[in-house]
Protein backbone atom coordinates (compact mmCIF):
# COMPACT_ATOMS: atom_id res chain seq x y z
CA MET A 1 0.00 0.00 0.00
CA LYS A 2 2.84 2.35 0.83
CA LEU A 3 4.42 1.81 -2.59
CA THR A 4 1.08 2.35 -4.31
CA SER A 5 0.54 5.58 -2.39
CA LEU A 6 4.04 6.76 -3.28
CA LEU A 7 3.51 6.07 -6.97
CA LEU A 8 0.18 7.90 -6.93
CA ALA A 9 1.81 10.88 -5.23
CA ILE A 10 4.61 10.97 -7.80
CA GLY A 11 2.08 10.75 -10.63
CA LEU A 12 0.07 13.63 -9.15
CA ALA A 13 3.21 15.71 -8.77
CA PHE A 14 4.04 15.20 -12.44
CA GLN A 15 0.47 16.16 -13.43
CA ILE A 16 0.65 19.34 -11.36
CA GLN A 17 4.05 20.21 -12.80
CA ALA A 18 2.74 19.69 -16.34
CA ALA A 19 -0.37 21.78 -15.65
CA ASP A 20 1.76 24.60 -14.23
CA ALA A 21 4.40 24.47 -16.96
CA PRO A 22 4.66 27.72 -18.92
CA ASN A 23 3.96 27.68 -22.62
CA ALA A 24 6.50 28.14 -25.36
CA ALA A 25 8.11 31.56 -25.56
CA GLY A 26 6.83 33.21 -28.72
CA LEU A 27 7.69 36.53 -30.36
CA GLN A 28 5.64 39.61 -31.21
CA LEU A 29 6.95 40.34 -34.68
CA TYR A 30 6.66 44.11 -34.11
CA SER A 31 9.99 43.62 -32.33
CA LEU A 32 11.58 43.31 -35.78
CA ARG A 33 9.59 46.01 -37.60
CA SER A 34 12.76 47.74 -38.81
CA GLN A 35 14.13 44.49 -40.23
CA PHE A 36 10.85 43.72 -42.01
CA THR A 37 10.97 47.17 -43.61
CA LEU A 38 14.67 47.23 -44.52
CA ARG A 39 15.44 43.56 -45.18
CA GLY A 40 12.05 42.19 -46.18
CA VAL A 41 9.75 39.48 -44.88
CA PRO A 42 11.69 36.34 -45.95
CA TRP A 43 15.02 37.49 -44.47
CA THR A 44 13.41 38.58 -41.19
CA LEU A 45 11.34 35.43 -40.74
CA ASP A 46 14.49 33.39 -41.37
CA ARG A 47 16.04 35.14 -38.36
CA VAL A 48 12.94 34.36 -36.26
CA LYS A 49 13.29 30.70 -37.15
CA GLU A 50 16.99 30.79 -36.26
CA PHE A 51 16.09 32.11 -32.80
CA GLY A 52 14.23 28.83 -32.24
CA ILE A 53 10.85 30.57 -32.10
CA LYS A 54 7.77 28.51 -33.01
CA GLU A 55 4.84 30.80 -32.11
CA VAL A 56 4.43 34.39 -33.26
CA GLU A 57 2.07 37.30 -32.86
CA LEU A 58 1.57 39.69 -35.78
CA ALA A 59 1.20 43.45 -35.99
CA GLY A 60 0.83 43.81 -39.74
CA THR A 61 1.92 41.87 -42.82
CA TYR A 62 4.42 44.34 -44.33
CA ASN A 63 2.91 44.90 -47.77
CA LEU A 64 1.97 41.25 -48.21
CA SER A 65 -1.58 39.93 -48.24
CA ALA A 66 -2.73 37.82 -45.32
CA GLU A 67 -2.48 34.76 -47.58
CA GLN A 68 1.06 35.59 -48.64
CA PHE A 69 2.26 36.31 -45.12
CA LYS A 70 0.77 33.09 -43.78
CA ALA A 71 2.55 31.16 -46.54
CA GLU A 72 5.87 32.73 -45.55
CA LEU A 73 5.27 31.71 -41.93
CA GLU A 74 4.34 28.16 -42.86
CA GLN A 75 7.48 27.73 -44.98
CA ARG A 76 9.48 28.27 -41.79
CA GLY A 77 7.33 26.26 -39.40
CA LEU A 78 6.06 29.39 -37.65
CA LYS A 79 2.54 29.43 -36.20
CA ALA A 80 0.59 32.69 -35.98
CA ILE A 81 -1.31 32.56 -32.69
CA SER A 82 -2.60 36.13 -32.64
CA SER A 83 -2.49 39.46 -34.40
CA HIS A 84 -3.02 43.12 -33.57
CA PHE A 85 -5.23 45.26 -35.80
CA PRO A 86 -5.65 49.06 -35.57
CA TYR A 87 -8.54 50.46 -33.54
CA ASP A 88 -10.02 52.24 -36.57
CA ARG A 89 -10.31 48.92 -38.40
CA TYR A 90 -12.40 47.50 -35.57
CA LYS A 91 -14.63 50.56 -35.81
CA ASN A 92 -14.87 50.90 -39.60
CA ASP A 93 -13.59 47.71 -41.26
CA LEU A 94 -14.71 44.91 -38.97
CA ASP A 95 -15.74 42.50 -41.73
CA ASN A 96 -12.24 42.55 -43.19
CA VAL A 97 -10.63 42.17 -39.75
CA VAL A 98 -12.65 38.97 -39.36
CA LYS A 99 -11.74 37.89 -42.89
CA ASP A 100 -8.01 38.50 -42.39
CA SER A 101 -8.08 36.76 -39.02
CA LYS A 102 -9.62 33.67 -40.59
CA THR A 103 -7.11 33.72 -43.45
CA LEU A 104 -4.17 33.99 -41.07
CA GLY A 105 -5.55 31.11 -39.02
CA ILE A 106 -5.11 32.94 -35.72
CA LYS A 107 -6.88 32.06 -32.47
CA PHE A 108 -6.81 35.61 -31.07
CA ALA A 109 -7.41 39.00 -32.71
CA GLY A 110 -6.55 42.08 -30.72
CA CYS A 111 -5.94 45.79 -30.52
CA ALA A 112 -2.99 47.49 -28.83
CA TRP A 113 -4.09 51.13 -28.72
CA ILE A 114 -7.39 52.97 -28.30
CA ASN A 115 -7.28 56.25 -30.19
CA HIS A 116 -7.85 59.13 -27.77
CA LYS A 117 -7.20 62.84 -27.31
CA ASP A 118 -5.01 64.11 -24.46
CA SER A 119 -5.72 61.99 -21.37
CA PHE A 120 -7.94 58.95 -21.87
CA ASP A 121 -11.44 59.73 -20.57
CA GLU A 122 -14.66 57.95 -19.60
CA ALA A 123 -16.46 58.61 -22.88
CA GLU A 124 -13.55 57.18 -24.90
CA CYS A 125 -13.40 54.18 -22.58
CA ARG A 126 -17.11 53.42 -22.94
CA GLU A 127 -16.96 53.84 -26.72
CA ALA A 128 -14.02 51.42 -26.95
CA ALA A 129 -15.83 48.87 -24.82
CA ALA A 130 -18.81 49.01 -27.18
CA VAL A 131 -16.55 48.70 -30.24
CA PHE A 132 -14.79 45.67 -28.79
CA ASN A 133 -17.99 43.99 -27.61
CA LYS A 134 -19.32 44.18 -31.17
CA ALA A 135 -16.01 42.99 -32.65
CA GLY A 136 -15.68 40.21 -30.11
CA GLU A 137 -19.12 38.88 -30.93
CA ALA A 138 -18.36 38.88 -34.67
CA LEU A 139 -15.01 37.15 -34.15
CA ALA A 140 -16.47 34.61 -31.71
CA LYS A 141 -18.79 33.36 -34.47
CA GLU A 142 -15.62 32.28 -36.29
CA GLY A 143 -14.03 30.72 -33.21
CA ILE A 144 -11.63 33.64 -32.70
CA THR A 145 -11.15 35.43 -29.36
CA MET A 146 -10.99 39.23 -29.29
CA PHE A 147 -8.50 40.84 -26.89
CA TYR A 148 -7.35 44.29 -25.85
CA HIS A 149 -3.70 45.00 -25.04
CA ALA A 150 -3.65 47.57 -22.22
CA HIS A 151 -1.03 50.26 -22.77
CA GLY A 152 -0.90 52.14 -19.47
CA PHE A 153 -3.03 55.20 -20.20
CA GLU A 154 -6.15 53.26 -19.16
CA PHE A 155 -5.18 53.60 -15.47
CA GLU A 156 -6.55 57.13 -15.17
CA PRO A 157 -8.46 57.40 -11.85
CA HIS A 158 -12.20 56.78 -12.11
CA GLY A 159 -14.58 56.42 -9.20
CA ASP A 160 -13.10 54.03 -6.66
CA GLY A 161 -10.73 52.56 -9.27
CA THR A 162 -9.46 53.35 -12.74
CA LEU A 163 -10.77 53.56 -16.29
CA PHE A 164 -9.22 50.12 -16.81
CA ASP A 165 -11.62 48.81 -14.16
CA LEU A 166 -14.50 50.50 -16.00
CA PHE A 167 -13.32 48.93 -19.27
CA MET A 168 -13.32 45.49 -17.67
CA GLN A 169 -16.82 46.07 -16.29
CA GLU A 170 -18.20 47.32 -19.61
CA THR A 171 -16.70 44.62 -21.85
CA LYS A 172 -18.43 41.25 -22.02
CA PRO A 173 -16.21 38.42 -20.75
CA GLU A 174 -17.63 36.03 -23.32
CA PHE A 175 -16.48 38.32 -26.15
CA VAL A 176 -13.50 40.38 -24.91
CA SER A 177 -10.36 39.19 -23.14
CA VAL A 178 -7.19 41.12 -22.36
CA GLN A 179 -3.49 40.84 -23.06
CA MET A 180 -1.02 41.90 -20.39
CA ASP A 181 2.10 43.68 -21.52
CA VAL A 182 4.16 43.56 -18.34
CA LEU A 183 6.03 46.80 -19.08
CA TRP A 184 2.80 48.69 -19.72
CA ILE A 185 1.47 47.57 -16.35
CA VAL A 186 4.60 48.40 -14.33
CA PHE A 187 5.39 51.69 -16.11
CA PRO A 188 2.09 53.33 -15.01
CA GLY A 189 2.70 52.09 -11.45
CA GLN A 190 0.50 48.98 -11.36
CA ASP A 191 1.29 45.50 -10.04
CA PRO A 192 1.09 42.74 -12.70
CA ALA A 193 0.55 39.88 -10.25
CA LYS A 194 -2.27 41.71 -8.45
CA LEU A 195 -4.01 42.60 -11.72
CA LEU A 196 -3.73 39.03 -12.99
CA GLU A 197 -5.42 37.90 -9.78
CA LYS A 198 -8.06 40.66 -9.80
CA TYR A 199 -9.22 39.76 -13.30
CA SER A 200 -8.39 36.08 -13.22
CA GLY A 201 -9.57 34.29 -16.34
CA ARG A 202 -9.88 37.45 -18.44
CA TRP A 203 -6.17 37.55 -19.28
CA LYS A 204 -5.30 35.17 -22.13
CA LEU A 205 -2.01 36.43 -23.58
CA MET A 206 1.12 38.10 -22.21
CA HIS A 207 3.88 40.29 -23.61
CA LEU A 208 7.15 39.65 -21.83
CA LYS A 209 9.01 42.95 -21.68
CA ASP A 210 11.43 44.31 -19.08
CA LEU A 211 11.90 47.95 -18.05
CA LYS A 212 15.38 49.38 -17.62
CA LYS A 213 16.45 49.83 -14.01
CA GLY A 214 16.24 53.40 -12.79
CA VAL A 215 13.40 54.42 -15.12
CA ALA A 216 10.69 56.13 -13.07
CA THR A 217 7.22 54.60 -12.99
CA GLY A 218 3.83 56.20 -12.46
CA SER A 219 3.35 57.82 -15.88
CA LEU A 220 0.00 57.37 -17.63
CA THR A 221 1.21 58.45 -21.08
CA GLY A 222 1.50 54.92 -22.47
CA LYS A 223 4.85 55.98 -23.93
CA THR A 224 8.50 55.62 -22.94
CA ASP A 225 11.80 55.60 -24.83
CA VAL A 226 12.05 52.29 -26.70
CA ALA A 227 15.65 52.04 -25.47
CA ASN A 228 14.14 51.38 -22.03
CA ASP A 229 13.20 47.86 -23.22
CA VAL A 230 15.98 45.65 -21.90
CA VAL A 231 16.87 41.95 -21.85
CA LEU A 232 14.40 39.98 -19.75
CA GLY A 233 15.72 39.49 -16.24
CA SER A 234 17.98 42.54 -16.34
CA GLY A 235 15.37 45.18 -15.55
CA GLN A 236 12.82 46.07 -12.88
CA MET A 237 10.32 43.21 -13.21
CA ASP A 238 9.68 40.65 -10.48
CA TRP A 239 9.47 37.72 -12.87
CA VAL A 240 9.06 35.09 -10.15
CA SER A 241 5.76 36.57 -8.97
CA ILE A 242 4.65 37.44 -12.50
CA PHE A 243 5.21 33.93 -13.88
CA ALA A 244 3.49 32.35 -10.87
CA ALA A 245 0.45 34.61 -11.21
CA ALA A 246 0.33 34.13 -14.99
CA ARG A 247 0.25 30.34 -14.68
CA LYS A 248 -2.39 30.52 -11.97
CA ASN A 249 -4.71 32.98 -13.68
CA GLY A 250 -5.15 31.78 -17.23
CA ILE A 251 -2.34 33.03 -19.49
CA GLN A 252 -2.27 30.73 -22.53
CA HIS A 253 0.49 32.20 -24.71
CA TYR A 254 3.56 34.30 -24.01
CA PHE A 255 5.36 36.57 -26.48
CA ILE A 256 8.60 38.46 -26.10
CA GLU A 257 8.12 42.00 -27.33
CA ASP A 258 11.31 44.02 -27.55
CA GLU A 259 10.84 47.45 -29.12
CA SER A 260 14.45 48.54 -28.60
CA PRO A 261 16.79 49.37 -31.50
CA THR A 262 18.97 46.45 -30.38
CA SER A 263 16.20 43.85 -30.37
CA MET A 264 18.11 41.49 -32.70
CA ASP A 265 20.82 41.19 -30.05
CA GLN A 266 18.51 41.24 -27.05
CA ILE A 267 15.98 38.62 -28.17
CA PRO A 268 18.45 35.68 -27.96
CA ALA A 269 19.51 36.81 -24.46
CA SER A 270 15.87 37.08 -23.39
CA LEU A 271 15.18 33.60 -24.75
CA LYS A 272 18.13 32.28 -22.75
CA PHE A 273 16.62 33.82 -19.60
CA LEU A 274 13.20 32.31 -20.32
CA ARG A 275 14.57 28.86 -21.05
CA ALA A 276 16.46 28.98 -17.77
CA ASN A 277 13.08 29.63 -16.16
CA GLY A 278 11.21 26.70 -17.63
CA PHE A 279 10.04 27.99 -20.99
CA GLU A 280 10.51 25.98 -24.17
């Protein structure tokens, strides 16, 4: 009986470890926007493959059609999990966002910036929630999940919380999820682990991005010098608590996003950090 109990315990431990294991480390291709523009799609995707990346997130197709870009990805064994589309397309070109999403074969279609004037306000927040609810319903009919990538400016105070809280209240969970970009949570002075817990189950995707040590936080501009993106593990982020909260609260896919001018050099170092922390 003791041996049987021990074997059952070992089996359970392996199941728990497998359930908690982080996903593969993917790449948001915006990290290589300069290379796509200067060197072209084939050359740049060859570099992505050489990094050992398997999953990618898109932010445009660089003058190729959705069909052409998908073919380039497939030639290199790259899988498009998600893509960002501009806010105005969700407002004015939703049918083609759905069409392109289907063509690309993505599971998630998102938006990384809500157009707004000066400081983000309640009216803009409510309008965006309505736009995304409508888009999310249309995408859900095709088996695609809509998401919004918070960018920091949404943490303007509102009532007892922030406009981000209002956004989460106004969007329908069955149609709209959210993507956490760790830098754009820390930079405005928020705590990633606490927000993952507060809205557990709503977060589906994560951008892994580190903020240079010494850079002040608390700004709600949604903007900082791209040179402040540093190799993962070398900046301000508490990755132990972030990874633990991400695994616990529903993150399905992780993407490095490195907007710095030295991203080609930094991405391999960030991958090394992630693989030392259990990522594939």
